[in-house]
Amino acid sequence: MSAADEAAAPSSWAVRVARPDGRWRVELLAADAGDELPVLERALGEPGAGEWPPPFVVVVDSRLYFVVLRHGPGGMVRALISDATMQEWVLGAEVVERYGIAVDEDGAFDDDETGWPGGDLDVFADDGLPADELRPIVTADDLWADEMVARIAGRLGFADELAAAVQA
């Protein structure tokens, strides 16, 4: 996203991202979805619904952290949170608790440290962004959560669709 796009974008939003027929589609679910985990899970659709790779939901909460949800093998939900220490936020706490995301608390709350991603860092591996390439994005201390998601979208090829959906 350009600087003008970022200034116009809301600070919290949720989108569903799918690639039926090989073309990315990004649908805005909510302009503010910081506390609606069951709604976000339902937006994934039924596991094994025939889409490959399966669609995913991305939520940016107050530009401070983001969450990704996606169906994995056997219909279980795979979850990633860009900063597992954000548990004072409703969605952050629910994601960490529901999906059993461990938080390395040794130094995790030191103000001099960057965020602590938790959960499935291979959530985008089937799309061509494995954990070792995702980790530098989600641990970058100079990026807000929406900027991290924009960088991920750029790497995967749906940046324009994301920008259009979020600013709609």
N, C-alpha and C. Protein backbone atom coordinates (compact mmCIF):
# COMPACT_ATOMS: atom_id res chain seq x y z
N MET A 1 0.84 -1.17 0.00
CA MET A 1 0.00 0.00 0.00
C MET A 1 0.88 1.24 0.00
N SER A 2 0.43 2.26 -0.68
CA SER A 2 1.17 3.51 -0.67
C SER A 2 0.88 4.25 0.63
N ALA A 3 1.64 5.32 0.88
CA ALA A 3 1.42 6.11 2.10
C ALA A 3 0.02 6.69 2.12
N ALA A 4 -0.48 7.13 0.96
CA ALA A 4 -1.84 7.67 0.90
C ALA A 4 -2.87 6.60 1.19
N ASP A 5 -2.64 5.38 0.65
CA ASP A 5 -3.55 4.27 0.91
C ASP A 5 -3.57 3.94 2.39
N GLU A 6 -2.39 3.91 3.03
CA GLU A 6 -2.32 3.58 4.45
C GLU A 6 -3.04 4.62 5.29
N ALA A 7 -2.92 5.89 4.91
CA ALA A 7 -3.58 6.96 5.67
C ALA A 7 -5.10 6.83 5.58
N ALA A 8 -5.60 6.35 4.43
CA ALA A 8 -7.04 6.23 4.23
C ALA A 8 -7.61 4.93 4.80
N ALA A 9 -6.77 3.94 5.02
CA ALA A 9 -7.23 2.63 5.49
C ALA A 9 -7.62 2.69 6.97
N PRO A 10 -8.65 1.94 7.35
CA PRO A 10 -9.01 1.87 8.77
C PRO A 10 -7.93 1.14 9.56
N SER A 11 -7.91 1.35 10.88
CA SER A 11 -6.87 0.72 11.70
C SER A 11 -7.22 -0.71 12.09
N SER A 12 -8.46 -1.11 11.96
CA SER A 12 -8.90 -2.48 12.26
C SER A 12 -9.80 -2.95 11.14
N TRP A 13 -9.60 -4.20 10.72
CA TRP A 13 -10.44 -4.77 9.67
C TRP A 13 -10.24 -6.27 9.61
N ALA A 14 -11.18 -6.93 8.95
CA ALA A 14 -11.10 -8.37 8.73
C ALA A 14 -11.48 -8.65 7.29
N VAL A 15 -10.71 -9.54 6.65
CA VAL A 15 -10.98 -9.93 5.27
C VAL A 15 -10.92 -11.44 5.14
N ARG A 16 -11.63 -11.95 4.14
CA ARG A 16 -11.54 -13.35 3.74
C ARG A 16 -10.82 -13.36 2.40
N VAL A 17 -9.79 -14.17 2.30
CA VAL A 17 -8.98 -14.23 1.10
C VAL A 17 -9.09 -15.64 0.52
N ALA A 18 -9.44 -15.73 -0.76
CA ALA A 18 -9.57 -17.02 -1.42
C ALA A 18 -8.98 -16.91 -2.82
N ARG A 19 -8.70 -18.07 -3.40
CA ARG A 19 -8.13 -18.10 -4.74
C ARG A 19 -8.85 -19.13 -5.61
N PRO A 20 -10.17 -18.97 -5.79
CA PRO A 20 -10.86 -19.90 -6.67
C PRO A 20 -10.43 -19.64 -8.11
N ASP A 21 -10.30 -20.67 -8.87
CA ASP A 21 -9.93 -20.53 -10.29
C ASP A 21 -8.59 -19.81 -10.49
N GLY A 22 -7.72 -19.85 -9.46
CA GLY A 22 -6.40 -19.26 -9.59
C GLY A 22 -6.32 -17.75 -9.48
N ARG A 23 -7.44 -17.08 -9.24
CA ARG A 23 -7.45 -15.62 -9.10
C ARG A 23 -7.78 -15.26 -7.66
N TRP A 24 -7.02 -14.32 -7.10
CA TRP A 24 -7.25 -13.90 -5.72
C TRP A 24 -8.54 -13.11 -5.61
N ARG A 25 -9.28 -13.40 -4.55
CA ARG A 25 -10.48 -12.62 -4.21
C ARG A 25 -10.39 -12.26 -2.75
N VAL A 26 -10.57 -10.99 -2.46
CA VAL A 26 -10.50 -10.49 -1.09
C VAL A 26 -11.82 -9.82 -0.77
N GLU A 27 -12.47 -10.30 0.28
CA GLU A 27 -13.78 -9.79 0.68
C GLU A 27 -13.68 -9.18 2.08
N LEU A 28 -14.10 -7.93 2.21
CA LEU A 28 -14.12 -7.29 3.52
C LEU A 28 -15.23 -7.92 4.36
N LEU A 29 -14.87 -8.45 5.52
CA LEU A 29 -15.84 -9.03 6.44
C LEU A 29 -16.35 -8.00 7.42
N ALA A 30 -15.45 -7.14 7.88
CA ALA A 30 -15.83 -6.12 8.86
C ALA A 30 -14.76 -5.04 8.88
N ALA A 31 -15.21 -3.81 9.09
CA ALA A 31 -14.26 -2.71 9.23
C ALA A 31 -13.66 -2.68 10.62
N ASP A 32 -14.27 -3.41 11.55
CA ASP A 32 -13.74 -3.51 12.91
C ASP A 32 -14.17 -4.86 13.46
N ALA A 33 -13.24 -5.80 13.50
CA ALA A 33 -13.59 -7.16 13.89
C ALA A 33 -12.69 -7.67 15.00
N GLY A 34 -12.41 -6.86 15.97
CA GLY A 34 -11.46 -7.22 17.00
C GLY A 34 -11.96 -8.17 18.06
N ASP A 35 -13.24 -8.56 18.03
CA ASP A 35 -13.73 -9.43 19.10
C ASP A 35 -14.76 -10.43 18.61
N GLU A 36 -14.65 -10.87 17.37
CA GLU A 36 -15.66 -11.74 16.78
C GLU A 36 -15.07 -13.06 16.29
N LEU A 37 -14.34 -13.78 17.12
CA LEU A 37 -13.68 -15.00 16.69
C LEU A 37 -14.64 -16.03 16.08
N PRO A 38 -15.80 -16.32 16.67
CA PRO A 38 -16.70 -17.30 16.03
C PRO A 38 -17.15 -16.88 14.64
N VAL A 39 -17.42 -15.59 14.44
CA VAL A 39 -17.82 -15.10 13.12
C VAL A 39 -16.68 -15.30 12.13
N LEU A 40 -15.47 -15.03 12.56
CA LEU A 40 -14.30 -15.18 11.69
C LEU A 40 -14.08 -16.64 11.32
N GLU A 41 -14.27 -17.53 12.28
CA GLU A 41 -14.13 -18.96 12.01
C GLU A 41 -15.17 -19.43 10.99
N ARG A 42 -16.41 -18.95 11.13
CA ARG A 42 -17.47 -19.32 10.18
C ARG A 42 -17.16 -18.81 8.78
N ALA A 43 -16.49 -17.68 8.69
CA ALA A 43 -16.16 -17.10 7.39
C ALA A 43 -15.19 -17.97 6.60
N LEU A 44 -14.50 -18.88 7.28
CA LEU A 44 -13.60 -19.80 6.57
C LEU A 44 -14.38 -20.77 5.69
N GLY A 45 -15.65 -20.98 6.00
CA GLY A 45 -16.45 -21.95 5.28
C GLY A 45 -16.22 -23.34 5.83
N GLU A 46 -16.77 -24.31 5.15
CA GLU A 46 -16.64 -25.70 5.58
C GLU A 46 -15.26 -26.23 5.21
N PRO A 47 -14.63 -26.96 6.13
CA PRO A 47 -13.34 -27.56 5.78
C PRO A 47 -13.48 -28.53 4.62
N GLY A 48 -12.48 -28.53 3.77
CA GLY A 48 -12.49 -29.46 2.64
C GLY A 48 -13.54 -29.14 1.59
N ALA A 49 -13.89 -27.86 1.46
CA ALA A 49 -14.95 -27.46 0.53
C ALA A 49 -14.47 -27.46 -0.93
N GLY A 50 -13.30 -27.99 -1.19
CA GLY A 50 -12.84 -28.12 -2.56
C GLY A 50 -11.88 -27.06 -3.02
N GLU A 51 -11.71 -25.99 -2.28
CA GLU A 51 -10.76 -24.94 -2.68
C GLU A 51 -9.36 -25.33 -2.23
N TRP A 52 -8.40 -25.22 -3.15
CA TRP A 52 -7.01 -25.47 -2.77
C TRP A 52 -6.13 -24.40 -3.37
N PRO A 53 -5.28 -23.78 -2.58
CA PRO A 53 -5.24 -23.89 -1.13
C PRO A 53 -6.50 -23.31 -0.51
N PRO A 54 -6.81 -23.72 0.72
CA PRO A 54 -8.04 -23.26 1.35
C PRO A 54 -8.00 -21.76 1.61
N PRO A 55 -9.18 -21.12 1.64
CA PRO A 55 -9.22 -19.69 1.94
C PRO A 55 -8.74 -19.42 3.36
N PHE A 56 -8.44 -18.15 3.64
CA PHE A 56 -8.05 -17.77 4.99
C PHE A 56 -8.66 -16.43 5.34
N VAL A 57 -8.72 -16.18 6.63
CA VAL A 57 -9.21 -14.92 7.17
C VAL A 57 -8.03 -14.20 7.81
N VAL A 58 -7.94 -12.90 7.53
CA VAL A 58 -6.91 -12.06 8.14
C VAL A 58 -7.61 -10.94 8.88
N VAL A 59 -7.20 -10.72 10.13
CA VAL A 59 -7.74 -9.63 10.94
C VAL A 59 -6.58 -8.77 11.40
N VAL A 60 -6.69 -7.47 11.18
CA VAL A 60 -5.75 -6.52 11.74
C VAL A 60 -6.49 -5.80 12.85
N ASP A 61 -5.95 -5.81 14.05
CA ASP A 61 -6.60 -5.19 15.19
C ASP A 61 -5.81 -3.97 15.64
N SER A 62 -6.37 -2.81 15.39
CA SER A 62 -5.80 -1.53 15.82
C SER A 62 -4.36 -1.32 15.35
N ARG A 63 -4.02 -1.92 14.23
CA ARG A 63 -2.68 -1.84 13.63
C ARG A 63 -1.60 -2.43 14.53
N LEU A 64 -1.96 -3.00 15.69
CA LEU A 64 -0.97 -3.49 16.64
C LEU A 64 -0.57 -4.94 16.39
N TYR A 65 -1.49 -5.75 15.91
CA TYR A 65 -1.20 -7.15 15.64
C TYR A 65 -2.20 -7.65 14.61
N PHE A 66 -1.88 -8.79 14.00
CA PHE A 66 -2.82 -9.41 13.09
C PHE A 66 -2.95 -10.88 13.42
N VAL A 67 -4.06 -11.45 12.96
CA VAL A 67 -4.38 -12.86 13.15
C VAL A 67 -4.74 -13.45 11.79
N VAL A 68 -4.28 -14.66 11.55
CA VAL A 68 -4.66 -15.41 10.35
C VAL A 68 -5.29 -16.72 10.81
N LEU A 69 -6.42 -17.07 10.22
CA LEU A 69 -7.09 -18.35 10.47
C LEU A 69 -7.27 -19.06 9.14
N ARG A 70 -7.04 -20.36 9.14
CA ARG A 70 -7.18 -21.15 7.91
C ARG A 70 -7.42 -22.60 8.29
N HIS A 71 -8.24 -23.29 7.51
CA HIS A 71 -8.43 -24.72 7.74
C HIS A 71 -7.18 -25.48 7.37
N GLY A 72 -6.85 -26.46 8.18
CA GLY A 72 -5.72 -27.34 7.91
C GLY A 72 -6.20 -28.76 7.74
N PRO A 73 -5.29 -29.70 7.82
CA PRO A 73 -5.66 -31.11 7.67
C PRO A 73 -6.73 -31.53 8.68
N GLY A 74 -7.67 -32.33 8.22
CA GLY A 74 -8.71 -32.83 9.09
C GLY A 74 -9.72 -31.78 9.53
N GLY A 75 -9.69 -30.61 8.91
CA GLY A 75 -10.64 -29.56 9.25
C GLY A 75 -10.27 -28.71 10.44
N MET A 76 -9.14 -29.03 11.10
CA MET A 76 -8.73 -28.19 12.23
C MET A 76 -8.36 -26.79 11.72
N VAL A 77 -8.52 -25.80 12.58
CA VAL A 77 -8.17 -24.44 12.20
C VAL A 77 -6.71 -24.19 12.56
N ARG A 78 -5.97 -23.71 11.59
CA ARG A 78 -4.60 -23.28 11.80
C ARG A 78 -4.66 -21.79 12.14
N ALA A 79 -3.88 -21.36 13.11
CA ALA A 79 -3.93 -19.96 13.53
C ALA A 79 -2.52 -19.40 13.67
N LEU A 80 -2.39 -18.15 13.30
CA LEU A 80 -1.16 -17.38 13.48
C LEU A 80 -1.53 -16.05 14.09
N ILE A 81 -0.79 -15.62 15.09
CA ILE A 81 -0.95 -14.27 15.64
C ILE A 81 0.42 -13.62 15.56
N SER A 82 0.45 -12.41 15.03
CA SER A 82 1.74 -11.75 14.80
C SER A 82 2.43 -11.37 16.10
N ASP A 83 1.66 -11.17 17.16
CA ASP A 83 2.25 -10.84 18.47
C ASP A 83 1.39 -11.46 19.56
N ALA A 84 1.83 -12.61 20.05
CA ALA A 84 1.07 -13.36 21.05
C ALA A 84 1.03 -12.68 22.40
N THR A 85 1.78 -11.61 22.59
CA THR A 85 1.73 -10.89 23.87
C THR A 85 0.56 -9.90 23.91
N MET A 86 -0.19 -9.77 22.83
CA MET A 86 -1.30 -8.82 22.76
C MET A 86 -2.57 -9.38 23.41
N GLN A 87 -2.43 -10.02 24.54
CA GLN A 87 -3.57 -10.67 25.16
C GLN A 87 -4.47 -9.73 25.96
N GLU A 88 -4.11 -8.46 26.04
CA GLU A 88 -5.04 -7.51 26.65
C GLU A 88 -6.15 -7.14 25.68
N TRP A 89 -6.00 -7.52 24.43
CA TRP A 89 -7.02 -7.31 23.41
C TRP A 89 -7.88 -8.58 23.34
N VAL A 90 -9.18 -8.42 23.22
CA VAL A 90 -10.11 -9.55 23.26
C VAL A 90 -9.74 -10.62 22.24
N LEU A 91 -9.57 -10.23 20.98
CA LEU A 91 -9.29 -11.21 19.95
C LEU A 91 -7.94 -11.90 20.20
N GLY A 92 -6.93 -11.15 20.57
CA GLY A 92 -5.62 -11.74 20.85
C GLY A 92 -5.71 -12.80 21.94
N ALA A 93 -6.41 -12.49 23.01
CA ALA A 93 -6.55 -13.44 24.11
C ALA A 93 -7.33 -14.68 23.68
N GLU A 94 -8.41 -14.50 22.92
CA GLU A 94 -9.21 -15.64 22.47
C GLU A 94 -8.41 -16.56 21.55
N VAL A 95 -7.65 -15.98 20.62
CA VAL A 95 -6.87 -16.78 19.68
C VAL A 95 -5.80 -17.58 20.42
N VAL A 96 -5.08 -16.92 21.33
CA VAL A 96 -4.03 -17.61 22.08
C VAL A 96 -4.62 -18.75 22.91
N GLU A 97 -5.77 -18.50 23.56
CA GLU A 97 -6.38 -19.53 24.39
C GLU A 97 -7.00 -20.66 23.56
N ARG A 98 -7.82 -20.32 22.57
CA ARG A 98 -8.54 -21.35 21.80
C ARG A 98 -7.61 -22.27 21.04
N TYR A 99 -6.52 -21.72 20.50
CA TYR A 99 -5.64 -22.53 19.67
C TYR A 99 -4.38 -22.97 20.38
N GLY A 100 -4.33 -22.75 21.70
CA GLY A 100 -3.22 -23.25 22.50
C GLY A 100 -1.87 -22.70 22.08
N ILE A 101 -1.85 -21.43 21.72
CA ILE A 101 -0.60 -20.82 21.27
C ILE A 101 0.25 -20.49 22.48
N ALA A 102 1.44 -21.05 22.48
CA ALA A 102 2.38 -20.82 23.59
C ALA A 102 3.02 -19.45 23.43
N VAL A 103 3.22 -18.80 24.55
CA VAL A 103 3.90 -17.51 24.57
C VAL A 103 5.17 -17.70 25.36
N ASP A 104 6.29 -17.44 24.72
CA ASP A 104 7.58 -17.49 25.40
C ASP A 104 7.68 -16.23 26.25
N GLU A 105 7.31 -16.37 27.52
CA GLU A 105 7.22 -15.19 28.38
C GLU A 105 8.56 -14.71 28.91
N ASP A 106 9.63 -15.42 28.65
CA ASP A 106 10.95 -14.98 29.07
C ASP A 106 11.35 -13.78 28.23
N GLY A 107 11.12 -12.60 28.75
CA GLY A 107 11.44 -11.37 28.04
C GLY A 107 10.35 -10.90 27.10
N ALA A 108 9.25 -11.62 27.01
CA ALA A 108 8.20 -11.29 26.05
C ALA A 108 7.54 -9.94 26.34
N PHE A 109 7.59 -9.49 27.56
CA PHE A 109 6.93 -8.24 27.88
C PHE A 109 7.92 -7.11 28.12
N ASP A 110 9.14 -7.29 27.67
CA ASP A 110 10.17 -6.26 27.74
C ASP A 110 9.89 -5.24 26.64
N ASP A 111 9.75 -3.98 27.00
CA ASP A 111 9.41 -2.95 26.02
C ASP A 111 10.44 -2.79 24.92
N ASP A 112 11.65 -3.27 25.14
CA ASP A 112 12.69 -3.14 24.13
C ASP A 112 12.63 -4.23 23.07
N GLU A 113 11.78 -5.20 23.25
CA GLU A 113 11.69 -6.32 22.33
C GLU A 113 10.57 -6.10 21.32
N THR A 114 10.69 -6.72 20.16
CA THR A 114 9.62 -6.69 19.17
C THR A 114 8.58 -7.73 19.56
N GLY A 115 7.52 -7.84 18.75
CA GLY A 115 6.46 -8.79 19.04
C GLY A 115 6.94 -10.22 18.99
N TRP A 116 6.12 -11.09 19.51
CA TRP A 116 6.41 -12.52 19.58
C TRP A 116 5.36 -13.26 18.79
N PRO A 117 5.64 -13.57 17.52
CA PRO A 117 4.63 -14.30 16.76
C PRO A 117 4.38 -15.66 17.39
N GLY A 118 3.16 -16.12 17.26
CA GLY A 118 2.82 -17.42 17.81
C GLY A 118 1.88 -18.16 16.89
N GLY A 119 1.90 -19.47 17.02
CA GLY A 119 1.02 -20.29 16.22
C GLY A 119 1.74 -20.84 15.00
N ASP A 120 1.01 -20.98 13.91
CA ASP A 120 1.47 -21.67 12.72
C ASP A 120 2.12 -20.71 11.72
N LEU A 121 3.44 -20.60 11.80
CA LEU A 121 4.16 -19.73 10.87
C LEU A 121 4.22 -20.30 9.45
N ASP A 122 3.78 -21.53 9.26
CA ASP A 122 3.70 -22.11 7.92
C ASP A 122 2.30 -21.98 7.32
N VAL A 123 1.48 -21.11 7.88
CA VAL A 123 0.10 -20.97 7.43
C VAL A 123 0.00 -20.57 5.96
N PHE A 124 1.04 -19.91 5.42
CA PHE A 124 1.04 -19.50 4.01
C PHE A 124 1.98 -20.35 3.16
N ALA A 125 2.51 -21.43 3.70
CA ALA A 125 3.48 -22.25 2.96
C ALA A 125 2.87 -22.80 1.66
N ASP A 126 1.61 -23.21 1.68
CA ASP A 126 0.97 -23.75 0.47
C ASP A 126 0.79 -22.68 -0.60
N ASP A 127 0.91 -21.42 -0.22
CA ASP A 127 0.79 -20.32 -1.17
C ASP A 127 2.16 -19.83 -1.64
N GLY A 128 3.24 -20.40 -1.08
CA GLY A 128 4.58 -20.01 -1.51
C GLY A 128 5.33 -19.11 -0.55
N LEU A 129 4.83 -18.98 0.70
CA LEU A 129 5.52 -18.16 1.70
C LEU A 129 5.75 -19.01 2.95
N PRO A 130 6.86 -19.76 2.98
CA PRO A 130 7.15 -20.63 4.13
C PRO A 130 7.56 -19.84 5.37
N ALA A 131 7.57 -20.52 6.50
CA ALA A 131 7.86 -19.90 7.79
C ALA A 131 9.16 -19.11 7.81
N ASP A 132 10.21 -19.65 7.21
CA ASP A 132 11.50 -18.95 7.26
C ASP A 132 11.48 -17.63 6.49
N GLU A 133 10.56 -17.47 5.55
CA GLU A 133 10.41 -16.21 4.83
C GLU A 133 9.35 -15.31 5.48
N LEU A 134 8.40 -15.90 6.20
CA LEU A 134 7.37 -15.13 6.88
C LEU A 134 7.90 -14.51 8.18
N ARG A 135 8.74 -15.25 8.89
CA ARG A 135 9.23 -14.78 10.19
C ARG A 135 9.85 -13.37 10.14
N PRO A 136 10.71 -13.04 9.17
CA PRO A 136 11.27 -11.68 9.17
C PRO A 136 10.21 -10.58 8.99
N ILE A 137 9.12 -10.93 8.32
CA ILE A 137 8.05 -9.94 8.14
C ILE A 137 7.33 -9.71 9.46
N VAL A 138 6.94 -10.79 10.16
CA VAL A 138 6.14 -10.64 11.38
C VAL A 138 6.97 -10.23 12.59
N THR A 139 8.28 -10.23 12.47
CA THR A 139 9.12 -9.77 13.59
C THR A 139 9.77 -8.43 13.30
N ALA A 140 9.45 -7.82 12.17
CA ALA A 140 10.03 -6.51 11.83
C ALA A 140 9.52 -5.45 12.80
N ASP A 141 10.43 -4.81 13.51
CA ASP A 141 10.01 -3.83 14.51
C ASP A 141 9.68 -2.47 13.91
N ASP A 142 9.87 -2.31 12.60
CA ASP A 142 9.56 -1.03 11.97
C ASP A 142 8.26 -1.07 11.17
N LEU A 143 7.49 -2.15 11.31
CA LEU A 143 6.23 -2.28 10.58
C LEU A 143 5.05 -2.41 11.54
N TRP A 144 3.96 -1.71 11.21
CA TRP A 144 2.70 -1.91 11.90
C TRP A 144 2.08 -3.19 11.36
N ALA A 145 1.10 -3.73 12.04
CA ALA A 145 0.48 -4.98 11.62
C ALA A 145 -0.12 -4.90 10.22
N ASP A 146 -0.78 -3.80 9.89
CA ASP A 146 -1.35 -3.68 8.55
C ASP A 146 -0.27 -3.61 7.48
N GLU A 147 0.88 -3.06 7.82
CA GLU A 147 2.00 -3.02 6.88
C GLU A 147 2.59 -4.41 6.69
N MET A 148 2.62 -5.20 7.77
CA MET A 148 3.07 -6.59 7.66
C MET A 148 2.15 -7.36 6.72
N VAL A 149 0.85 -7.20 6.91
CA VAL A 149 -0.12 -7.90 6.07
C VAL A 149 0.01 -7.43 4.62
N ALA A 150 0.22 -6.14 4.41
CA ALA A 150 0.41 -5.62 3.05
C ALA A 150 1.65 -6.24 2.41
N ARG A 151 2.70 -6.42 3.18
CA ARG A 151 3.92 -7.03 2.66
C ARG A 151 3.67 -8.51 2.31
N ILE A 152 2.94 -9.21 3.18
CA ILE A 152 2.57 -10.60 2.89
C ILE A 152 1.74 -10.67 1.62
N ALA A 153 0.74 -9.78 1.51
CA ALA A 153 -0.12 -9.75 0.33
C ALA A 153 0.70 -9.48 -0.93
N GLY A 154 1.67 -8.61 -0.83
CA GLY A 154 2.54 -8.34 -1.97
C GLY A 154 3.33 -9.55 -2.38
N ARG A 155 3.86 -10.27 -1.40
CA ARG A 155 4.63 -11.48 -1.70
C ARG A 155 3.76 -12.56 -2.33
N LEU A 156 2.50 -12.67 -1.89
CA LEU A 156 1.62 -13.72 -2.39
C LEU A 156 0.87 -13.30 -3.66
N GLY A 157 0.80 -11.99 -3.92
CA GLY A 157 0.18 -11.52 -5.16
C GLY A 157 -1.24 -11.00 -5.05
N PHE A 158 -1.70 -10.64 -3.85
CA PHE A 158 -3.05 -10.10 -3.74
C PHE A 158 -3.08 -8.71 -3.11
N ALA A 159 -1.98 -7.96 -3.23
CA ALA A 159 -1.89 -6.63 -2.61
C ALA A 159 -2.94 -5.67 -3.14
N ASP A 160 -3.16 -5.65 -4.45
CA ASP A 160 -4.15 -4.73 -5.02
C ASP A 160 -5.55 -5.08 -4.56
N GLU A 161 -5.86 -6.37 -4.54
CA GLU A 161 -7.18 -6.81 -4.10
C GLU A 161 -7.41 -6.48 -2.63
N LEU A 162 -6.36 -6.64 -1.82
CA LEU A 162 -6.47 -6.30 -0.39
C LEU A 162 -6.72 -4.82 -0.21
N ALA A 163 -5.94 -4.00 -0.87
CA ALA A 163 -6.10 -2.53 -0.75
C ALA A 163 -7.49 -2.10 -1.16
N ALA A 164 -8.00 -2.66 -2.25
CA ALA A 164 -9.35 -2.31 -2.72
C ALA A 164 -10.41 -2.73 -1.71
N ALA A 165 -10.27 -3.91 -1.13
CA ALA A 165 -11.28 -4.40 -0.18
C ALA A 165 -11.28 -3.59 1.11
N VAL A 166 -10.09 -3.29 1.63
CA VAL A 166 -9.99 -2.60 2.92
C VAL A 166 -10.47 -1.16 2.81
N GLN A 167 -10.27 -0.55 1.65
CA GLN A 167 -10.65 0.85 1.50
C GLN A 167 -12.04 1.03 0.93
N ALA A 168 -12.73 -0.09 0.64
CA ALA A 168 -14.08 0.01 0.07
C ALA A 168 -15.05 0.56 1.06
